[in-house]
């Protein structure tokens, strides 16, 4: 498993642990982001070391190529001076450096592939971190909205509960009963307080002129008396 893969596995493991503990989503997101940033710093350090190793390999390769060229020049100089034995020694030394150079080239090629892979993984992790940062506020907002909606639904369910409805119905009945009793007491209080006879006359409506009524009554009585005589 590569360096970045191990870091990502650690982040995923920590995230799963948080999920299993049913932590607050906002805190989980913040913790995940912190873990990713910590992993990124460690991965970046490992990549930097790998790049440094790559540079050392390149330097060693250049040194071996330089030594091979140097002993090649020595061989040419020996031939020119007709010192064949010395020229053979120089060529053998040149061959050794050429062989070492080839080994460094193969090692450098493999190491370069690894470094490029690490750099690619590091860029991917950096992109993921930036994406999480961009989405963090949105996700937290969604989480708060979901929590508020859940609370509303719970409240509605509580109101719709049969027991709550029965309680409301009983309260309404008691209020209606109390209102009716208050109206009845008011009506009775008006009927049985004060001069009842006067209230009866008041119930008959407004009285007419008493003098005119008295005169009419006297005239009626005179007529009746004349008839008897």
C-alpha atoms as a PDB file:
ATOM      1  CA  UNK A   1       0.000   0.000   0.000  1.00  0.00           C
ATOM      2  CA  UNK A   2       1.387   3.443  -0.976  1.00  0.00           C
ATOM      3  CA  UNK A   3       2.031   6.289   1.405  1.00  0.00           C
ATOM      4  CA  UNK A   4      -1.017   8.279   0.322  1.00  0.00           C
ATOM      5  CA  UNK A   5      -3.193   5.177   0.368  1.00  0.00           C
ATOM      6  CA  UNK A   6      -2.226   4.557   3.990  1.00  0.00           C
ATOM      7  CA  UNK A   7      -3.028   8.150   4.931  1.00  0.00           C
ATOM      8  CA  UNK A   8      -6.395   8.022   3.170  1.00  0.00           C
ATOM      9  CA  UNK A   9      -7.154   4.702   4.876  1.00  0.00           C
ATOM     10  CA  UNK A  10      -6.459   6.320   8.264  1.00  0.00           C
ATOM     11  CA  UNK A  11      -8.780   9.231   7.432  1.00  0.00           C
ATOM     12  CA  UNK A  12     -11.511   6.825   6.307  1.00  0.00           C
ATOM     13  CA  UNK A  13     -11.081   4.759   9.475  1.00  0.00           C
ATOM     14  CA  UNK A  14     -11.390   7.846  11.676  1.00  0.00           C
ATOM     15  CA  UNK A  15     -14.475   8.974   9.761  1.00  0.00           C
ATOM     16  CA  UNK A  16     -16.131   5.574  10.140  1.00  0.00           C
ATOM     17  CA  UNK A  17     -15.400   5.635  13.865  1.00  0.00           C
ATOM     18  CA  UNK A  18     -17.122   9.024  14.142  1.00  0.00           C
ATOM     19  CA  UNK A  19     -20.105   7.766  12.169  1.00  0.00           C
ATOM     20  CA  UNK A  20     -20.415   4.718  14.405  1.00  0.00           C
ATOM     21  CA  UNK A  21     -20.466   6.984  17.462  1.00  0.00           C
ATOM     22  CA  UNK A  22     -23.236   9.068  15.841  1.00  0.00           C
ATOM     23  CA  UNK A  23     -21.329  12.310  16.373  1.00  0.00           C
ATOM     24  CA  UNK A  24     -22.752  15.673  15.335  1.00  0.00           C
ATOM     25  CA  UNK A  25     -22.376  15.965  11.515  1.00  0.00           C
ATOM     26  CA  UNK A  26     -20.887  19.457  11.732  1.00  0.00           C
ATOM     27  CA  UNK A  27     -18.241  18.268  14.194  1.00  0.00           C
ATOM     28  CA  UNK A  28     -17.629  15.158  12.103  1.00  0.00           C
ATOM     29  CA  UNK A  29     -17.063  17.272   9.015  1.00  0.00           C
ATOM     30  CA  UNK A  30     -14.678  19.592  10.840  1.00  0.00           C
ATOM     31  CA  UNK A  31     -12.745  16.649  12.303  1.00  0.00           C
ATOM     32  CA  UNK A  32     -12.568  14.946   8.908  1.00  0.00           C
ATOM     33  CA  UNK A  33     -11.191  18.110   7.359  1.00  0.00           C
ATOM     34  CA  UNK A  34      -8.560  18.367  10.097  1.00  0.00           C
ATOM     35  CA  UNK A  35      -7.558  14.728   9.545  1.00  0.00           C
ATOM     36  CA  UNK A  36      -7.310  15.260   5.789  1.00  0.00           C
ATOM     37  CA  UNK A  37      -5.130  18.344   6.250  1.00  0.00           C
ATOM     38  CA  UNK A  38      -2.884  16.481   8.693  1.00  0.00           C
ATOM     39  CA  UNK A  39      -2.593  13.607   6.221  1.00  0.00           C
ATOM     40  CA  UNK A  40      -1.810  16.060   3.451  1.00  0.00           C
ATOM     41  CA  UNK A  41       1.040  17.574   5.453  1.00  0.00           C
ATOM     42  CA  UNK A  42       2.518  14.142   6.167  1.00  0.00           C
ATOM     43  CA  UNK A  43       2.118  13.044   2.551  1.00  0.00           C
ATOM     44  CA  UNK A  44       3.691  16.266   1.329  1.00  0.00           C
ATOM     45  CA  UNK A  45       6.697  15.627   3.554  1.00  0.00           C
ATOM     46  CA  UNK A  46       7.049  12.090   2.177  1.00  0.00           C
ATOM     47  CA  UNK A  47       6.794  13.367  -1.383  1.00  0.00           C
ATOM     48  CA  UNK A  48       9.454  15.989  -0.633  1.00  0.00           C
ATOM     49  CA  UNK A  49      11.781  13.237   0.629  1.00  0.00           C
ATOM     50  CA  UNK A  50      11.120  11.167  -2.481  1.00  0.00           C
ATOM     51  CA  UNK A  51      11.886  14.154  -4.705  1.00  0.00           C
ATOM     52  CA  UNK A  52      15.108  14.716  -2.753  1.00  0.00           C
ATOM     53  CA  UNK A  53      16.042  11.046  -3.339  1.00  0.00           C
ATOM     54  CA  UNK A  54      15.284  11.521  -7.023  1.00  0.00           C
ATOM     55  CA  UNK A  55      17.647  14.494  -7.179  1.00  0.00           C
ATOM     56  CA  UNK A  56      20.394  12.497  -5.438  1.00  0.00           C
ATOM     57  CA  UNK A  57      19.955   9.693  -7.979  1.00  0.00           C
ATOM     58  CA  UNK A  58      20.190  12.190 -10.830  1.00  0.00           C
ATOM     59  CA  UNK A  59      23.352  13.652  -9.307  1.00  0.00           C
ATOM     60  CA  UNK A  60      24.896  10.204  -8.864  1.00  0.00           C
ATOM     61  CA  UNK A  61      24.017   9.289 -12.448  1.00  0.00           C
ATOM     62  CA  UNK A  62      25.633  12.445 -13.727  1.00  0.00           C
ATOM     63  CA  UNK A  63      28.743  11.687 -11.647  1.00  0.00           C
ATOM     64  CA  UNK A  64      29.005   8.155 -13.068  1.00  0.00           C
ATOM     65  CA  UNK A  65      28.539   9.411 -16.605  1.00  0.00           C
ATOM     66  CA  UNK A  66      31.194  12.021 -15.946  1.00  0.00           C
ATOM     67  CA  UNK A  67      33.630   9.392 -14.626  1.00  0.00           C
ATOM     68  CA  UNK A  68      32.909   7.134 -17.606  1.00  0.00           C
ATOM     69  CA  UNK A  69      33.687  10.028 -19.953  1.00  0.00           C
ATOM     70  CA  UNK A  70      36.824  10.855 -17.975  1.00  0.00           C
ATOM     71  CA  UNK A  71      38.242   7.289 -18.232  1.00  0.00           C
ATOM     72  CA  UNK A  72      37.292   7.193 -21.877  1.00  0.00           C
ATOM     73  CA  UNK A  73      39.480  10.273 -22.384  1.00  0.00           C
ATOM     74  CA  UNK A  74      42.300   8.606 -20.436  1.00  0.00           C
ATOM     75  CA  UNK A  75      42.075   5.565 -22.750  1.00  0.00           C
ATOM     76  CA  UNK A  76      42.344   7.809 -25.821  1.00  0.00           C
ATOM     77  CA  UNK A  77      45.397   9.573 -24.336  1.00  0.00           C
ATOM     78  CA  UNK A  78      47.088   6.227 -23.584  1.00  0.00           C
ATOM     79  CA  UNK A  79      46.506   4.960 -27.131  1.00  0.00           C
ATOM     80  CA  UNK A  80      47.940   8.142 -28.552  1.00  0.00           C
ATOM     81  CA  UNK A  81      51.052   7.536 -26.472  1.00  0.00           C
ATOM     82  CA  UNK A  82      51.076   3.893 -27.566  1.00  0.00           C
ATOM     83  CA  UNK A  83      50.524   2.618 -24.007  1.00  0.00           C
ATOM     84  CA  UNK A  84      48.067  -0.125 -24.774  1.00  0.00           C
ATOM     85  CA  UNK A  85      48.119  -1.736 -21.335  1.00  0.00           C
ATOM     86  CA  UNK A  86      47.306   1.584 -19.699  1.00  0.00           C
ATOM     87  CA  UNK A  87      44.591   2.171 -22.296  1.00  0.00           C
ATOM     88  CA  UNK A  88      43.002  -1.235 -21.434  1.00  0.00           C
ATOM     89  CA  UNK A  89      42.946  -0.331 -17.716  1.00  0.00           C
ATOM     90  CA  UNK A  90      41.285   2.970 -18.523  1.00  0.00           C
ATOM     91  CA  UNK A  91      38.686   1.213 -20.703  1.00  0.00           C
ATOM     92  CA  UNK A  92      37.945  -1.319 -17.951  1.00  0.00           C
ATOM     93  CA  UNK A  93      37.427   1.539 -15.464  1.00  0.00           C
ATOM     94  CA  UNK A  94      35.228   3.288 -18.015  1.00  0.00           C
ATOM     95  CA  UNK A  95      33.161   0.110 -18.406  1.00  0.00           C
ATOM     96  CA  UNK A  96      32.614  -0.099 -14.650  1.00  0.00           C
ATOM     97  CA  UNK A  97      31.227   3.443 -14.549  1.00  0.00           C
ATOM     98  CA  UNK A  98      29.074   2.788 -17.629  1.00  0.00           C
ATOM     99  CA  UNK A  99      27.610  -0.267 -15.913  1.00  0.00           C
ATOM    100  CA  UNK A 100      26.955   1.690 -12.696  1.00  0.00           C
ATOM    101  CA  UNK A 101      25.409   4.485 -14.766  1.00  0.00           C
ATOM    102  CA  UNK A 102      23.007   1.995 -16.338  1.00  0.00           C
ATOM    103  CA  UNK A 103      21.989   0.771 -12.880  1.00  0.00           C
ATOM    104  CA  UNK A 104      21.394   4.346 -11.718  1.00  0.00           C
ATOM    105  CA  UNK A 105      19.329   5.020 -14.848  1.00  0.00           C
ATOM    106  CA  UNK A 106      17.055   2.066 -14.134  1.00  0.00           C
ATOM    107  CA  UNK A 107      16.712   3.047 -10.476  1.00  0.00           C
ATOM    108  CA  UNK A 108      16.064   6.673 -11.419  1.00  0.00           C
ATOM    109  CA  UNK A 109      13.428   5.665 -13.965  1.00  0.00           C
ATOM    110  CA  UNK A 110      11.533   3.539 -11.409  1.00  0.00           C
ATOM    111  CA  UNK A 111      11.894   6.208  -8.733  1.00  0.00           C
ATOM    112  CA  UNK A 112      10.625   8.918 -11.105  1.00  0.00           C
ATOM    113  CA  UNK A 113       7.496   6.862 -11.805  1.00  0.00           C
ATOM    114  CA  UNK A 114       6.941   6.527  -8.054  1.00  0.00           C
ATOM    115  CA  UNK A 115       7.495  10.253  -7.458  1.00  0.00           C
ATOM    116  CA  UNK A 116       5.060  11.183 -10.227  1.00  0.00           C
ATOM    117  CA  UNK A 117       2.491   8.837  -8.711  1.00  0.00           C
ATOM    118  CA  UNK A 118       2.991  10.394  -5.275  1.00  0.00           C
ATOM    119  CA  UNK A 119       2.681  13.901  -6.708  1.00  0.00           C
ATOM    120  CA  UNK A 120      -0.516  12.909  -8.499  1.00  0.00           C
ATOM    121  CA  UNK A 121      -1.958  11.438  -5.289  1.00  0.00           C
ATOM    122  CA  UNK A 122      -0.936  14.531  -3.351  1.00  0.00           C
ATOM    123  CA  UNK A 123      -2.663  16.808  -5.866  1.00  0.00           C
ATOM    124  CA  UNK A 124      -5.768  14.615  -5.664  1.00  0.00           C
ATOM    125  CA  UNK A 125      -5.785  14.845  -1.872  1.00  0.00           C
ATOM    126  CA  UNK A 126      -5.320  18.606  -2.075  1.00  0.00           C
ATOM    127  CA  UNK A 127      -8.265  18.828  -4.475  1.00  0.00           C
ATOM    128  CA  UNK A 128     -10.418  16.765  -2.119  1.00  0.00           C
ATOM    129  CA  UNK A 129      -9.525  19.025   0.800  1.00  0.00           C
ATOM    130  CA  UNK A 130     -10.421  22.124  -1.213  1.00  0.00           C
ATOM    131  CA  UNK A 131     -13.705  20.465  -2.211  1.00  0.00           C
ATOM    132  CA  UNK A 132     -14.553  19.649   1.407  1.00  0.00           C
ATOM    133  CA  UNK A 133     -13.786  23.240   2.421  1.00  0.00           C
ATOM    134  CA  UNK A 134     -16.084  24.563  -0.308  1.00  0.00           C
ATOM    135  CA  UNK A 135     -18.886  22.205   0.665  1.00  0.00           C
ATOM    136  CA  UNK A 136     -18.471  22.473   4.432  1.00  0.00           C
ATOM    137  CA  UNK A 137     -20.728  25.490   4.948  1.00  0.00           C
ATOM    138  CA  UNK A 138     -23.324  24.125   2.532  1.00  0.00           C
ATOM    139  CA  UNK A 139     -23.392  20.733   4.236  1.00  0.00           C
ATOM    140  CA  UNK A 140     -23.629  22.299   7.689  1.00  0.00           C
ATOM    141  CA  UNK A 141     -26.500  24.505   6.458  1.00  0.00           C
ATOM    142  CA  UNK A 142     -28.292  21.430   5.073  1.00  0.00           C
ATOM    143  CA  UNK A 143     -27.744  19.598   8.344  1.00  0.00           C
ATOM    144  CA  UNK A 144     -29.251  22.479  10.335  1.00  0.00           C
ATOM    145  CA  UNK A 145     -32.217  22.661   7.972  1.00  0.00           C
ATOM    146  CA  UNK A 146     -32.797  18.914   8.264  1.00  0.00           C
ATOM    147  CA  UNK A 147     -32.634  19.169  12.050  1.00  0.00           C
ATOM    148  CA  UNK A 148     -35.173  22.024  12.047  1.00  0.00           C
ATOM    149  CA  UNK A 149     -37.518  20.111   9.742  1.00  0.00           C
ATOM    150  CA  UNK A 150     -37.255  17.028  11.929  1.00  0.00           C
ATOM    151  CA  UNK A 151     -38.156  19.109  14.978  1.00  0.00           C
ATOM    152  CA  UNK A 152     -41.169  20.582  13.166  1.00  0.00           C
ATOM    153  CA  UNK A 153     -42.404  17.123  12.157  1.00  0.00           C
ATOM    154  CA  UNK A 154     -41.970  15.877  15.716  1.00  0.00           C
ATOM    155  CA  UNK A 155     -43.986  18.826  16.990  1.00  0.00           C
ATOM    156  CA  UNK A 156     -46.741  18.170  14.459  1.00  0.00           C
ATOM    157  CA  UNK A 157     -46.801  14.498  15.376  1.00  0.00           C
ATOM    158  CA  UNK A 158     -47.126  15.462  19.036  1.00  0.00           C
ATOM    159  CA  UNK A 159     -50.055  17.771  18.279  1.00  0.00           C
ATOM    160  CA  UNK A 160     -51.741  15.107  16.179  1.00  0.00           C
ATOM    161  CA  UNK A 161     -51.387  12.552  18.947  1.00  0.00           C
ATOM    162  CA  UNK A 162     -54.823  11.242  20.041  1.00  0.00           C
ATOM    163  CA  UNK A 163     -54.183  12.072  23.703  1.00  0.00           C
ATOM    164  CA  UNK A 164     -53.359  15.684  22.872  1.00  0.00           C
ATOM    165  CA  UNK A 165     -56.490  16.042  20.729  1.00  0.00           C
ATOM    166  CA  UNK A 166     -58.652  14.574  23.484  1.00  0.00           C
ATOM    167  CA  UNK A 167     -57.181  17.021  25.964  1.00  0.00           C
ATOM    168  CA  UNK A 168     -57.903  19.934  23.652  1.00  0.00           C
ATOM    169  CA  UNK A 169     -61.472  18.687  23.117  1.00  0.00           C
ATOM    170  CA  UNK A 170     -62.055  18.432  26.897  1.00  0.00           C
ATOM    171  CA  UNK A 171     -60.648  21.906  27.412  1.00  0.00           C
ATOM    172  CA  UNK A 172     -62.929  23.283  24.698  1.00  0.00           C
ATOM    173  CA  UNK A 173     -65.962  21.598  26.288  1.00  0.00           C
ATOM    174  CA  UNK A 174     -65.112  23.027  29.702  1.00  0.00           C
ATOM    175  CA  UNK A 175     -64.677  26.504  28.249  1.00  0.00           C
ATOM    176  CA  UNK A 176     -68.047  26.279  26.481  1.00  0.00           C
ATOM    177  CA  UNK A 177     -69.674  25.070  29.723  1.00  0.00           C
ATOM    178  CA  UNK A 178     -68.109  27.889  31.735  1.00  0.00           C
ATOM    179  CA  UNK A 179     -69.268  30.446  29.151  1.00  0.00           C
ATOM    180  CA  UNK A 180     -72.845  29.109  29.281  1.00  0.00           C
ATOM    181  CA  UNK A 181     -72.861  29.217  33.097  1.00  0.00           C
ATOM    182  CA  UNK A 182     -71.632  32.804  33.084  1.00  0.00           C
ATOM    183  CA  UNK A 183     -74.403  33.818  30.649  1.00  0.00           C
ATOM    184  CA  UNK A 184     -76.998  32.023  32.797  1.00  0.00           C
ATOM    185  CA  UNK A 185     -75.828  33.736  35.981  1.00  0.00           C
ATOM    186  CA  UNK A 186     -75.992  37.103  34.244  1.00  0.00           C
ATOM    187  CA  UNK A 187     -79.578  36.443  33.081  1.00  0.00           C
ATOM    188  CA  UNK A 188     -80.714  35.271  36.523  1.00  0.00           C
ATOM    189  CA  UNK A 189     -79.061  38.199  38.212  1.00  0.00           C
ATOM    190  CA  UNK A 190     -81.082  40.566  36.045  1.00  0.00           C
ATOM    191  CA  UNK A 191     -84.360  38.750  36.712  1.00  0.00           C
ATOM    192  CA  UNK A 192     -84.162  38.445  40.482  1.00  0.00           C
ATOM    193  CA  UNK A 193     -82.627  41.755  41.471  1.00  0.00           C
ATOM    194  CA  UNK A 194     -84.542  45.081  42.038  1.00  0.00           C
ATOM    195  CA  UNK A 195     -88.380  45.736  41.947  1.00  0.00           C
ATOM    196  CA  UNK A 196     -89.940  42.745  40.225  1.00  0.00           C
ATOM    197  CA  UNK A 197     -93.344  44.494  39.704  1.00  0.00           C
ATOM    198  CA  UNK A 198     -91.704  47.418  38.002  1.00  0.00           C
ATOM    199  CA  UNK A 199     -89.805  45.045  35.797  1.00  0.00           C
ATOM    200  CA  UNK A 200     -93.098  43.421  34.771  1.00  0.00           C
ATOM    201  CA  UNK A 201     -94.520  46.762  33.735  1.00  0.00           C
ATOM    202  CA  UNK A 202     -91.289  47.566  31.951  1.00  0.00           C
ATOM    203  CA  UNK A 203     -91.710  44.319  30.085  1.00  0.00           C
ATOM    204  CA  UNK A 204     -95.082  45.536  28.803  1.00  0.00           C
ATOM    205  CA  UNK A 205     -93.377  48.339  27.021  1.00  0.00           C
ATOM    206  CA  UNK A 206     -93.699  52.111  27.337  1.00  0.00           C
ATOM    207  CA  UNK A 207     -96.901  53.378  29.188  1.00  0.00           C
ATOM    208  CA  UNK A 208     -99.337  55.759  27.542  1.00  0.00           C
ATOM    209  CA  UNK A 209    -100.468  59.113  28.962  1.00  0.00           C
ATOM    210  CA  UNK A 210    -102.080  58.342  32.413  1.00  0.00           C
ATOM    211  CA  UNK A 211    -104.378  61.417  32.419  1.00  0.00           C
ATOM    212  CA  UNK A 212    -105.899  60.541  29.053  1.00  0.00           C
ATOM    213  CA  UNK A 213    -106.403  56.952  30.152  1.00  0.00           C
ATOM    214  CA  UNK A 214    -108.060  58.110  33.432  1.00  0.00           C
ATOM    215  CA  UNK A 215    -110.473  60.417  31.577  1.00  0.00           C
ATOM    216  CA  UNK A 216    -111.469  57.653  29.247  1.00  0.00           C
ATOM    217  CA  UNK A 217    -112.076  55.342  32.194  1.00  0.00           C
ATOM    218  CA  UNK A 218    -114.381  57.945  33.901  1.00  0.00           C
ATOM    219  CA  UNK A 219    -116.415  58.480  30.760  1.00  0.00           C
ATOM    220  CA  UNK A 220    -116.878  54.736  30.428  1.00  0.00           C
ATOM    221  CA  UNK A 221    -118.090  54.524  34.035  1.00  0.00           C
ATOM    222  CA  UNK A 222    -120.632  57.383  33.553  1.00  0.00           C
ATOM    223  CA  UNK A 223    -122.085  55.663  30.553  1.00  0.00           C
ATOM    224  CA  UNK A 224    -122.457  52.444  32.499  1.00  0.00           C
ATOM    225  CA  UNK A 225    -124.168  54.253  35.424  1.00  0.00           C
ATOM    226  CA  UNK A 226    -126.658  56.014  33.095  1.00  0.00           C
ATOM    227  CA  UNK A 227    -127.545  52.706  31.593  1.00  0.00           C
ATOM    228  CA  UNK A 228    -128.341  51.244  34.989  1.00  0.00           C
ATOM    229  CA  UNK A 229    -130.554  54.222  35.922  1.00  0.00           C
END
